[in-house]
Amino acid sequence: MNRGYTTPVTSITEKDFESLVQLALEEDLPAGDITTDTLFSVEESCTAILLAKEEGVLCGLSVIPCLIQKSKTNVTWSQILEDGAPLSKGTIIGELKGSLVGILKMERILLNFIQYLSGIATNANRVAKQFPNLLILDTRKTLPGYRKLAKYAVYTGGGANHRINLSDMAMLKDNHITKAGSIQSAVQMVRQKNPGKKIELEIDGLSQLEDAIESKPDILLLDNFSDGDTEKAIYILKDKAPEIRIECSGGITPDKLKFLSKFEGIGVSMGYLTHTVKFLDISLDIK
């Protein structure tokens, strides 16, 4: 099963987060660290262990070398695990060595990135493992600037990527259809002006299904359908238009996922994966 509607975010590079790292340093250290600069000498050194305090999926380690470089501190990073590694309480992720002052100043920023992205990866992993025959998709409900990182974390956890941005593929909703005059007109206009781009069409009732099938979108989104209407729509689509991919969204609960899991390969988009995230409990313990 391809885990993405377009090209999924299977990796990230420094270009994807260096501006966020720089912003984080400027935000947290506008004039140094009063506590650390007062209590410790720049000559002091230490070793610090990055340690998991609960079960989850690791994500975001490539941020650490960038943070060290931009903080201009004499610290080295020794990585033990890779992104995607399963974590349990007490798992050692890696080790920082060098300037005590430097490590203390970057501690919170480092943990914010790793805890946040690992939290997203863990969210996605829990749902994807429980419902392996569904395509668990993210959405564009991400923090500004963190889009690519958040979608990478979803993919790392075993989830799938919906469109990465508005330029990636077309998605026609009720306002677009109203302006175009009809479902078929909206799809036709987008297809003519954007050959080669995928088109997803959202409908909110069975009354739109016939027009939706005739318009031949690549993906049909059943938004806030009841279980009964979802089942009817899926059976009709599999019979009349098996080439159209099916996606469900809107108020998706565990019970709804259990119901949908009987339909092989259905996509389910869940803003929950990225907008309701608990930081994974990871600490940086100085020896």
C-alpha atoms as a PDB file:
ATOM      1  CA  MET A   1       0.000   0.000   0.000  1.00  0.00           C
ATOM      2  CA  ASN A   2       1.519   3.332  -1.081  1.00  0.00           C
ATOM      3  CA  ARG A   3       1.620   5.563   2.014  1.00  0.00           C
ATOM      4  CA  GLY A   4       0.959   8.848   0.287  1.00  0.00           C
ATOM      5  CA  TYR A   5      -1.351  10.463  -2.250  1.00  0.00           C
ATOM      6  CA  THR A   6       1.586  12.240  -3.875  1.00  0.00           C
ATOM      7  CA  THR A   7       5.259  11.911  -2.919  1.00  0.00           C
ATOM      8  CA  PRO A   8       5.400  11.077   0.808  1.00  0.00           C
ATOM      9  CA  VAL A   9       7.880  12.745   3.161  1.00  0.00           C
ATOM     10  CA  THR A  10      10.204   9.820   3.804  1.00  0.00           C
ATOM     11  CA  SER A  11      13.150  11.938   4.972  1.00  0.00           C
ATOM     12  CA  ILE A  12      14.063  15.462   6.038  1.00  0.00           C
ATOM     13  CA  THR A  13      17.219  17.510   5.590  1.00  0.00           C
ATOM     14  CA  GLU A  14      18.700  20.518   7.352  1.00  0.00           C
ATOM     15  CA  LYS A  15      17.021  22.783   4.803  1.00  0.00           C
ATOM     16  CA  ASP A  16      13.637  21.694   6.197  1.00  0.00           C
ATOM     17  CA  PHE A  17      14.307  22.840   9.762  1.00  0.00           C
ATOM     18  CA  GLU A  18      17.351  25.124   9.983  1.00  0.00           C
ATOM     19  CA  SER A  19      15.203  28.273  10.052  1.00  0.00           C
ATOM     20  CA  LEU A  20      13.113  26.785  12.884  1.00  0.00           C
ATOM     21  CA  VAL A  21      16.266  25.932  14.839  1.00  0.00           C
ATOM     22  CA  GLN A  22      17.624  29.459  14.376  1.00  0.00           C
ATOM     23  CA  LEU A  23      14.291  30.969  15.422  1.00  0.00           C
ATOM     24  CA  ALA A  24      14.192  28.738  18.507  1.00  0.00           C
ATOM     25  CA  LEU A  25      17.669  29.883  19.580  1.00  0.00           C
ATOM     26  CA  GLU A  26      16.801  33.561  19.096  1.00  0.00           C
ATOM     27  CA  GLU A  27      13.543  33.075  20.977  1.00  0.00           C
ATOM     28  CA  ASP A  28      15.067  31.256  23.954  1.00  0.00           C
ATOM     29  CA  LEU A  29      18.430  33.025  24.250  1.00  0.00           C
ATOM     30  CA  PRO A  30      17.946  36.690  23.289  1.00  0.00           C
ATOM     31  CA  ALA A  31      20.616  37.744  25.823  1.00  0.00           C
ATOM     32  CA  GLY A  32      22.094  34.506  27.135  1.00  0.00           C
ATOM     33  CA  ASP A  33      20.950  32.208  29.945  1.00  0.00           C
ATOM     34  CA  ILE A  34      20.970  34.095  33.256  1.00  0.00           C
ATOM     35  CA  THR A  35      20.992  30.944  35.408  1.00  0.00           C
ATOM     36  CA  THR A  36      23.586  28.907  33.531  1.00  0.00           C
ATOM     37  CA  ASP A  37      25.885  31.836  32.759  1.00  0.00           C
ATOM     38  CA  THR A  38      25.907  32.794  36.450  1.00  0.00           C
ATOM     39  CA  LEU A  39      26.495  29.351  37.974  1.00  0.00           C
ATOM     40  CA  PHE A  40      28.874  27.625  35.560  1.00  0.00           C
ATOM     41  CA  SER A  41      32.152  28.275  33.803  1.00  0.00           C
ATOM     42  CA  VAL A  42      32.515  27.914  30.050  1.00  0.00           C
ATOM     43  CA  GLU A  43      35.456  25.560  30.733  1.00  0.00           C
ATOM     44  CA  GLU A  44      33.279  22.945  32.468  1.00  0.00           C
ATOM     45  CA  SER A  45      32.353  19.841  30.475  1.00  0.00           C
ATOM     46  CA  CYS A  46      29.934  16.973  30.949  1.00  0.00           C
ATOM     47  CA  THR A  47      28.175  14.006  29.356  1.00  0.00           C
ATOM     48  CA  ALA A  48      24.412  13.995  28.898  1.00  0.00           C
ATOM     49  CA  ILE A  49      22.206  11.044  27.931  1.00  0.00           C
ATOM     50  CA  LEU A  50      19.079  11.416  25.790  1.00  0.00           C
ATOM     51  CA  LEU A  51      16.719   8.962  27.435  1.00  0.00           C
ATOM     52  CA  ALA A  52      13.184   7.720  26.745  1.00  0.00           C
ATOM     53  CA  LYS A  53      10.876   7.830  29.773  1.00  0.00           C
ATOM     54  CA  GLU A  54       7.909   6.064  28.136  1.00  0.00           C
ATOM     55  CA  GLU A  55       6.995   3.831  25.202  1.00  0.00           C
ATOM     56  CA  GLY A  56       6.723   5.382  21.768  1.00  0.00           C
ATOM     57  CA  VAL A  57       8.362   5.889  18.374  1.00  0.00           C
ATOM     58  CA  LEU A  58      11.475   8.022  17.985  1.00  0.00           C
ATOM     59  CA  CYS A  59      11.591  10.891  15.494  1.00  0.00           C
ATOM     60  CA  GLY A  60      13.536  14.078  14.792  1.00  0.00           C
ATOM     61  CA  LEU A  61      17.160  13.194  15.553  1.00  0.00           C
ATOM     62  CA  SER A  62      18.547  14.958  12.469  1.00  0.00           C
ATOM     63  CA  VAL A  63      17.698  18.280  14.147  1.00  0.00           C
ATOM     64  CA  ILE A  64      20.354  17.750  16.840  1.00  0.00           C
ATOM     65  CA  PRO A  65      23.536  18.276  14.727  1.00  0.00           C
ATOM     66  CA  CYS A  66      21.959  21.413  13.242  1.00  0.00           C
ATOM     67  CA  LEU A  67      21.157  22.730  16.715  1.00  0.00           C
ATOM     68  CA  ILE A  68      24.720  22.098  17.889  1.00  0.00           C
ATOM     69  CA  GLN A  69      26.174  23.846  14.831  1.00  0.00           C
ATOM     70  CA  LYS A  70      23.917  26.899  15.080  1.00  0.00           C
ATOM     71  CA  SER A  71      24.424  27.264  18.832  1.00  0.00           C
ATOM     72  CA  LYS A  72      28.193  27.490  18.142  1.00  0.00           C
ATOM     73  CA  THR A  73      29.101  25.397  21.128  1.00  0.00           C
ATOM     74  CA  ASN A  74      31.764  22.736  21.666  1.00  0.00           C
ATOM     75  CA  VAL A  75      29.474  19.709  21.907  1.00  0.00           C
ATOM     76  CA  THR A  76      29.515  16.362  20.089  1.00  0.00           C
ATOM     77  CA  TRP A  77      26.525  14.084  19.482  1.00  0.00           C
ATOM     78  CA  SER A  78      26.785  10.275  19.409  1.00  0.00           C
ATOM     79  CA  GLN A  79      23.610   8.699  18.059  1.00  0.00           C
ATOM     80  CA  ILE A  80      22.637   5.173  19.108  1.00  0.00           C
ATOM     81  CA  LEU A  81      19.175   4.810  17.535  1.00  0.00           C
ATOM     82  CA  GLU A  82      17.579   5.946  14.266  1.00  0.00           C
ATOM     83  CA  ASP A  83      14.260   7.677  13.581  1.00  0.00           C
ATOM     84  CA  GLY A  84      11.456   5.139  13.656  1.00  0.00           C
ATOM     85  CA  ALA A  85      13.037   3.093  16.439  1.00  0.00           C
ATOM     86  CA  PRO A  86      10.601   1.771  19.057  1.00  0.00           C
ATOM     87  CA  LEU A  87      11.200   3.215  22.514  1.00  0.00           C
ATOM     88  CA  SER A  88      10.469   1.865  25.950  1.00  0.00           C
ATOM     89  CA  LYS A  89      11.089   3.373  29.349  1.00  0.00           C
ATOM     90  CA  GLY A  90      14.837   3.576  29.911  1.00  0.00           C
ATOM     91  CA  THR A  91      15.895   3.305  26.263  1.00  0.00           C
ATOM     92  CA  ILE A  92      19.085   5.303  25.610  1.00  0.00           C
ATOM     93  CA  ILE A  93      18.762   7.277  22.364  1.00  0.00           C
ATOM     94  CA  GLY A  94      22.161   8.940  22.215  1.00  0.00           C
ATOM     95  CA  GLU A  95      24.797  10.939  24.070  1.00  0.00           C
ATOM     96  CA  LEU A  96      26.001  14.535  24.118  1.00  0.00           C
ATOM     97  CA  LYS A  97      29.537  15.344  25.264  1.00  0.00           C
ATOM     98  CA  GLY A  98      31.266  18.668  25.737  1.00  0.00           C
ATOM     99  CA  SER A  99      30.480  22.098  27.129  1.00  0.00           C
ATOM    100  CA  LEU A 100      28.173  21.953  30.154  1.00  0.00           C
ATOM    101  CA  VAL A 101      27.032  25.525  29.472  1.00  0.00           C
ATOM    102  CA  GLY A 102      26.324  24.691  25.827  1.00  0.00           C
ATOM    103  CA  ILE A 103      24.321  21.560  26.657  1.00  0.00           C
ATOM    104  CA  LEU A 104      22.220  23.318  29.293  1.00  0.00           C
ATOM    105  CA  LYS A 105      21.425  26.171  26.911  1.00  0.00           C
ATOM    106  CA  MET A 106      20.231  23.874  24.128  1.00  0.00           C
ATOM    107  CA  GLU A 107      18.462  21.321  26.354  1.00  0.00           C
ATOM    108  CA  ARG A 108      14.909  22.687  26.132  1.00  0.00           C
ATOM    109  CA  ILE A 109      15.078  23.439  22.412  1.00  0.00           C
ATOM    110  CA  LEU A 110      16.429  19.974  21.649  1.00  0.00           C
ATOM    111  CA  LEU A 111      13.735  18.294  23.714  1.00  0.00           C
ATOM    112  CA  ASN A 112      10.963  20.411  22.201  1.00  0.00           C
ATOM    113  CA  PHE A 113      11.820  19.148  18.719  1.00  0.00           C
ATOM    114  CA  ILE A 114      12.387  15.507  19.654  1.00  0.00           C
ATOM    115  CA  GLN A 115       9.438  15.204  22.069  1.00  0.00           C
ATOM    116  CA  TYR A 116       7.031  16.885  19.646  1.00  0.00           C
ATOM    117  CA  LEU A 117       7.993  14.892  16.543  1.00  0.00           C
ATOM    118  CA  SER A 118       8.205  11.641  18.515  1.00  0.00           C
ATOM    119  CA  GLY A 119       4.743  12.391  19.890  1.00  0.00           C
ATOM    120  CA  ILE A 120       3.352  12.672  16.356  1.00  0.00           C
ATOM    121  CA  ALA A 121       5.145   9.504  15.238  1.00  0.00           C
ATOM    122  CA  THR A 122       3.779   7.670  18.269  1.00  0.00           C
ATOM    123  CA  ASN A 123       0.232   8.900  17.552  1.00  0.00           C
ATOM    124  CA  ALA A 124       0.411   7.684  13.964  1.00  0.00           C
ATOM    125  CA  ASN A 125       1.973   4.381  14.950  1.00  0.00           C
ATOM    126  CA  ARG A 126      -0.733   3.498  17.450  1.00  0.00           C
ATOM    127  CA  VAL A 127      -3.521   4.008  14.931  1.00  0.00           C
ATOM    128  CA  ALA A 128      -1.697   2.448  11.965  1.00  0.00           C
ATOM    129  CA  LYS A 129      -0.771  -0.689  13.928  1.00  0.00           C
ATOM    130  CA  GLN A 130      -4.313  -1.126  15.194  1.00  0.00           C
ATOM    131  CA  PHE A 131      -5.834  -0.760  11.720  1.00  0.00           C
ATOM    132  CA  PRO A 132      -3.224  -2.063   9.248  1.00  0.00           C
ATOM    133  CA  ASN A 133      -5.641  -2.427   6.324  1.00  0.00           C
ATOM    134  CA  LEU A 134      -6.577   1.280   6.392  1.00  0.00           C
ATOM    135  CA  LEU A 135      -4.523   4.123   4.940  1.00  0.00           C
ATOM    136  CA  ILE A 136      -4.201   6.432   7.980  1.00  0.00           C
ATOM    137  CA  LEU A 137      -3.674   9.900   6.500  1.00  0.00           C
ATOM    138  CA  ASP A 138      -2.539  13.171   8.021  1.00  0.00           C
ATOM    139  CA  THR A 139      -3.932  16.603   7.103  1.00  0.00           C
ATOM    140  CA  ARG A 140      -2.646  20.173   6.689  1.00  0.00           C
ATOM    141  CA  LYS A 141      -3.556  20.909  10.320  1.00  0.00           C
ATOM    142  CA  THR A 142       0.058  21.503  11.326  1.00  0.00           C
ATOM    143  CA  LEU A 143       1.910  24.308  13.100  1.00  0.00           C
ATOM    144  CA  PRO A 144       3.155  26.990  10.670  1.00  0.00           C
ATOM    145  CA  GLY A 145       6.670  26.136   9.539  1.00  0.00           C
ATOM    146  CA  TYR A 146       6.471  22.560  10.818  1.00  0.00           C
ATOM    147  CA  ARG A 147       4.496  21.065   7.907  1.00  0.00           C
ATOM    148  CA  LYS A 148       7.232  18.901   6.420  1.00  0.00           C
ATOM    149  CA  LEU A 149       8.559  17.823   9.816  1.00  0.00           C
ATOM    150  CA  ALA A 150       5.082  16.869  11.060  1.00  0.00           C
ATOM    151  CA  LYS A 151       4.300  14.874   7.932  1.00  0.00           C
ATOM    152  CA  TYR A 152       7.688  13.172   8.144  1.00  0.00           C
ATOM    153  CA  ALA A 153       6.847  12.193  11.723  1.00  0.00           C
ATOM    154  CA  VAL A 154       3.497  10.743  10.621  1.00  0.00           C
ATOM    155  CA  TYR A 155       5.236   8.708   7.917  1.00  0.00           C
ATOM    156  CA  THR A 156       7.972   7.609  10.332  1.00  0.00           C
ATOM    157  CA  GLY A 157       5.292   6.286  12.682  1.00  0.00           C
ATOM    158  CA  GLY A 158       3.648   4.212   9.950  1.00  0.00           C
ATOM    159  CA  GLY A 159       0.960   6.659   8.828  1.00  0.00           C
ATOM    160  CA  ALA A 160       0.473   8.111   5.358  1.00  0.00           C
ATOM    161  CA  ASN A 161       0.776  11.596   3.892  1.00  0.00           C
ATOM    162  CA  HIS A 162      -2.164  13.408   2.319  1.00  0.00           C
ATOM    163  CA  ARG A 163      -1.209  16.344   0.053  1.00  0.00           C
ATOM    164  CA  ILE A 164       1.812  18.175   1.417  1.00  0.00           C
ATOM    165  CA  ASN A 165       0.582  21.627   0.436  1.00  0.00           C
ATOM    166  CA  LEU A 166      -1.955  23.420  -1.767  1.00  0.00           C
ATOM    167  CA  SER A 167       0.346  23.110  -4.795  1.00  0.00           C
ATOM    168  CA  ASP A 168       0.663  19.340  -4.453  1.00  0.00           C
ATOM    169  CA  MET A 169      -2.783  18.298  -5.690  1.00  0.00           C
ATOM    170  CA  ALA A 170      -6.274  19.726  -6.060  1.00  0.00           C
ATOM    171  CA  MET A 171      -9.001  19.239  -3.481  1.00  0.00           C
ATOM    172  CA  LEU A 172     -12.485  20.453  -4.376  1.00  0.00           C
ATOM    173  CA  LYS A 173     -14.826  21.336  -1.511  1.00  0.00           C
ATOM    174  CA  ASP A 174     -18.330  22.792  -1.352  1.00  0.00           C
ATOM    175  CA  ASN A 175     -17.248  26.419  -1.866  1.00  0.00           C
ATOM    176  CA  HIS A 176     -15.262  25.505  -4.977  1.00  0.00           C
ATOM    177  CA  ILE A 177     -18.168  23.507  -6.401  1.00  0.00           C
ATOM    178  CA  THR A 178     -20.652  26.322  -5.731  1.00  0.00           C
ATOM    179  CA  LYS A 179     -18.431  28.812  -7.538  1.00  0.00           C
ATOM    180  CA  ALA A 180     -17.876  26.476 -10.499  1.00  0.00           C
ATOM    181  CA  GLY A 181     -21.596  25.739 -10.808  1.00  0.00           C
ATOM    182  CA  SER A 182     -21.461  21.962 -10.496  1.00  0.00           C
ATOM    183  CA  ILE A 183     -19.266  19.048  -9.446  1.00  0.00           C
ATOM    184  CA  GLN A 184     -18.481  18.086 -13.026  1.00  0.00           C
ATOM    185  CA  SER A 185     -17.632  21.661 -14.041  1.00  0.00           C
ATOM    186  CA  ALA A 186     -15.297  22.078 -11.073  1.00  0.00           C
ATOM    187  CA  VAL A 187     -13.413  18.847 -11.790  1.00  0.00           C
ATOM    188  CA  GLN A 188     -13.217  19.594 -15.510  1.00  0.00           C
ATOM    189  CA  MET A 189     -11.858  23.113 -14.988  1.00  0.00           C
ATOM    190  CA  VAL A 190      -9.119  21.922 -12.627  1.00  0.00           C
ATOM    191  CA  ARG A 191      -8.169  19.021 -14.867  1.00  0.00           C
ATOM    192  CA  GLN A 192      -7.869  21.214 -17.957  1.00  0.00           C
ATOM    193  CA  LYS A 193      -5.635  23.766 -16.253  1.00  0.00           C
ATOM    194  CA  ASN A 194      -3.552  21.290 -14.242  1.00  0.00           C
ATOM    195  CA  PRO A 195      -2.891  18.181 -16.329  1.00  0.00           C
ATOM    196  CA  GLY A 196      -1.059  15.499 -14.407  1.00  0.00           C
ATOM    197  CA  LYS A 197      -2.150  16.743 -10.985  1.00  0.00           C
ATOM    198  CA  LYS A 198      -4.347  14.500  -8.864  1.00  0.00           C
ATOM    199  CA  ILE A 199      -7.836  15.715  -8.052  1.00  0.00           C
ATOM    200  CA  GLU A 200      -9.708  14.918  -4.863  1.00  0.00           C
ATOM    201  CA  LEU A 201     -13.415  15.691  -4.613  1.00  0.00           C
ATOM    202  CA  GLU A 202     -15.251  16.071  -1.307  1.00  0.00           C
ATOM    203  CA  ILE A 203     -18.956  15.260  -1.047  1.00  0.00           C
ATOM    204  CA  ASP A 204     -21.188  15.356   2.021  1.00  0.00           C
ATOM    205  CA  GLY A 205     -24.154  13.211   0.959  1.00  0.00           C
ATOM    206  CA  LEU A 206     -25.281  10.295  -1.186  1.00  0.00           C
ATOM    207  CA  SER A 207     -27.231  12.692  -3.383  1.00  0.00           C
ATOM    208  CA  GLN A 208     -23.897  13.908  -4.833  1.00  0.00           C
ATOM    209  CA  LEU A 209     -22.489  10.452  -5.481  1.00  0.00           C
ATOM    210  CA  GLU A 210     -23.714   9.976  -9.055  1.00  0.00           C
ATOM    211  CA  ASP A 211     -22.335  13.329 -10.208  1.00  0.00           C
ATOM    212  CA  ALA A 212     -19.103  12.595  -8.356  1.00  0.00           C
ATOM    213  CA  ILE A 213     -18.635   9.277 -10.159  1.00  0.00           C
ATOM    214  CA  GLU A 214     -19.337  10.856 -13.551  1.00  0.00           C
ATOM    215  CA  SER A 215     -16.746  13.574 -12.906  1.00  0.00           C
ATOM    216  CA  LYS A 216     -14.051  10.878 -12.422  1.00  0.00           C
ATOM    217  CA  PRO A 217     -11.847  12.377  -9.683  1.00  0.00           C
ATOM    218  CA  ASP A 218      -8.770  10.451  -8.587  1.00  0.00           C
ATOM    219  CA  ILE A 219      -9.961  10.399  -4.970  1.00  0.00           C
ATOM    220  CA  LEU A 220     -13.446  10.795  -3.525  1.00  0.00           C
ATOM    221  CA  LEU A 221     -13.754  12.057   0.037  1.00  0.00           C
ATOM    222  CA  LEU A 222     -16.868  11.040   1.967  1.00  0.00           C
ATOM    223  CA  ASP A 223     -17.128  13.785   4.572  1.00  0.00           C
ATOM    224  CA  ASN A 224     -19.116  13.190   7.773  1.00  0.00           C
ATOM    225  CA  PHE A 225     -21.077  10.287   6.263  1.00  0.00           C
ATOM    226  CA  SER A 226     -23.043   8.061   8.622  1.00  0.00           C
ATOM    227  CA  ASP A 227     -21.960   4.415   8.832  1.00  0.00           C
ATOM    228  CA  GLY A 228     -24.933   3.350   6.744  1.00  0.00           C
ATOM    229  CA  ASP A 229     -24.327   5.940   4.019  1.00  0.00           C
ATOM    230  CA  THR A 230     -20.599   5.190   4.059  1.00  0.00           C
ATOM    231  CA  GLU A 231     -21.273   1.522   3.416  1.00  0.00           C
ATOM    232  CA  LYS A 232     -23.710   2.277   0.595  1.00  0.00           C
ATOM    233  CA  ALA A 233     -21.297   4.710  -1.045  1.00  0.00           C
ATOM    234  CA  ILE A 234     -18.362   2.312  -0.847  1.00  0.00           C
ATOM    235  CA  TYR A 235     -20.299  -0.579  -2.385  1.00  0.00           C
ATOM    236  CA  ILE A 236     -21.536   1.661  -5.226  1.00  0.00           C
ATOM    237  CA  LEU A 237     -18.036   3.025  -5.864  1.00  0.00           C
ATOM    238  CA  LYS A 238     -16.389  -0.394  -5.849  1.00  0.00           C
ATOM    239  CA  ASP A 239     -19.000  -1.607  -8.331  1.00  0.00           C
ATOM    240  CA  LYS A 240     -19.256   1.401 -10.681  1.00  0.00           C
ATOM    241  CA  ALA A 241     -15.884   3.138 -10.310  1.00  0.00           C
ATOM    242  CA  PRO A 242     -13.250   0.850  -8.761  1.00  0.00           C
ATOM    243  CA  GLU A 243     -10.498   3.120 -10.094  1.00  0.00           C
ATOM    244  CA  ILE A 244     -11.540   5.967  -7.753  1.00  0.00           C
ATOM    245  CA  ARG A 245      -9.774   5.890  -4.391  1.00  0.00           C
ATOM    246  CA  ILE A 246     -12.050   6.306  -1.384  1.00  0.00           C
ATOM    247  CA  GLU A 247     -11.318   8.460   1.647  1.00  0.00           C
ATOM    248  CA  CYS A 248     -13.384   9.130   4.765  1.00  0.00           C
ATOM    249  CA  SER A 249     -13.096  12.042   7.190  1.00  0.00           C
ATOM    250  CA  GLY A 250     -14.969  14.026   9.810  1.00  0.00           C
ATOM    251  CA  GLY A 251     -15.424  13.014  13.426  1.00  0.00           C
ATOM    252  CA  ILE A 252     -13.412   9.830  13.064  1.00  0.00           C
ATOM    253  CA  THR A 253     -13.558   7.866  16.337  1.00  0.00           C
ATOM    254  CA  PRO A 254     -12.054   4.468  17.257  1.00  0.00           C
ATOM    255  CA  ASP A 255     -15.492   2.915  16.663  1.00  0.00           C
ATOM    256  CA  LYS A 256     -15.639   4.506  13.209  1.00  0.00           C
ATOM    257  CA  LEU A 257     -12.158   3.167  12.404  1.00  0.00           C
ATOM    258  CA  LYS A 258     -13.210  -0.313  13.465  1.00  0.00           C
ATOM    259  CA  PHE A 259     -16.214  -0.061  11.157  1.00  0.00           C
ATOM    260  CA  LEU A 260     -14.125   1.233   8.234  1.00  0.00           C
ATOM    261  CA  SER A 261     -11.457  -1.433   8.681  1.00  0.00           C
ATOM    262  CA  LYS A 262     -13.729  -4.014   7.064  1.00  0.00           C
ATOM    263  CA  PHE A 263     -13.249  -2.156   3.764  1.00  0.00           C
ATOM    264  CA  GLU A 264      -9.761  -2.967   2.509  1.00  0.00           C
ATOM    265  CA  GLY A 265      -7.558   0.005   1.568  1.00  0.00           C
ATOM    266  CA  ILE A 266      -9.913   2.854   2.482  1.00  0.00           C
ATOM    267  CA  GLY A 267      -8.142   6.118   3.285  1.00  0.00           C
ATOM    268  CA  VAL A 268      -8.982   7.860   6.558  1.00  0.00           C
ATOM    269  CA  SER A 269      -7.759  11.427   7.135  1.00  0.00           C
ATOM    270  CA  MET A 270      -7.268  12.419  10.764  1.00  0.00           C
ATOM    271  CA  GLY A 271      -6.249  15.893  11.913  1.00  0.00           C
ATOM    272  CA  TYR A 272      -5.817  14.253  15.329  1.00  0.00           C
ATOM    273  CA  LEU A 273      -2.457  12.855  14.224  1.00  0.00           C
ATOM    274  CA  THR A 274      -0.831  16.294  14.282  1.00  0.00           C
ATOM    275  CA  HIS A 275      -3.114  18.788  16.037  1.00  0.00           C
ATOM    276  CA  THR A 276      -3.762  16.824  19.239  1.00  0.00           C
ATOM    277  CA  VAL A 277      -0.258  15.809  20.198  1.00  0.00           C
ATOM    278  CA  LYS A 278       1.167  14.915  23.585  1.00  0.00           C
ATOM    279  CA  PHE A 279       4.928  15.377  23.802  1.00  0.00           C
ATOM    280  CA  LEU A 280       6.584  11.995  24.237  1.00  0.00           C
ATOM    281  CA  ASP A 281       8.376  11.891  27.585  1.00  0.00           C
ATOM    282  CA  ILE A 282      12.088  12.078  26.742  1.00  0.00           C
ATOM    283  CA  SER A 283      14.733  13.575  29.012  1.00  0.00           C
ATOM    284  CA  LEU A 284      18.307  14.805  28.741  1.00  0.00           C
ATOM    285  CA  ASP A 285      20.064  13.551  31.858  1.00  0.00           C
ATOM    286  CA  ILE A 286      23.468  15.019  32.743  1.00  0.00           C
ATOM    287  CA  LYS A 287      25.795  12.498  34.331  1.00  0.00           C
END
